[in-house]
Amino acid sequence: MITETANIQVTDAHGQTVSKAFDFTYSEYPLSRFWRMYATSTDLGDGYMNLNQIALRTQPGGVNQCIGSGGTADQSSEYNSSLGAIHAFLETLDTDGEYWHSANQSTGWWASFDFGAGILVPVAEVSITNCNIAGRAPRDFSIQTSQDGQTWTNVASFSGVQNWELSVPKVFSIPPLA
């Protein structure tokens, strides 16, 4: 987050000038309530996606903003009700067997996180960690934002990502706003 000060001077009807300083804070990265990883292909290509963690960070190397936020997750599919996307967003890379495992589908795997009404979170980088089977990770994917959870906008796209290793994070930078 960047904080700047703007000094405003106003002259009233009597010719008196009044100065006031205003501080405002903004992000150089996209702000959104909803964040989503949307993949069109996996490294293995067997129809499943298995992810141990999807960490949304407000600064490079920062902490996962999902943990402790009270937010909720959704996904394109889940293998069973105990393997939903919430596990990927709230995981701390432990080995407790909780992760997101999609159902078998040909394309269009996605996992989204909703920080909640009125909460806008800037994301500078996304860390994704594969689990279980190394090739069940995204090869071609986008990071997307939404203000309503229905209409999505790509903020970064990645293609040809390969050589996933089990429980080894890959970090993807979100470009700053122009």
Foldseek 3Di string as FASTA:
>chain_A
DDKDKDKDWDQDPVRDIDIDIDIDDDALFFWFQKKKKKFFAWQVQQQKAKWQAKAFAQDVPHGRPQAPLPKDKQWPAACDPQAGCVRRSHGPLDDPPHIGMGHGDRGTTMMMIGSDPPGIGGGFKIKIAGADDQRNHGAWIFMWHDHPVPDIDGQDIHHRDDDHDHSDIDMDGGDGHD
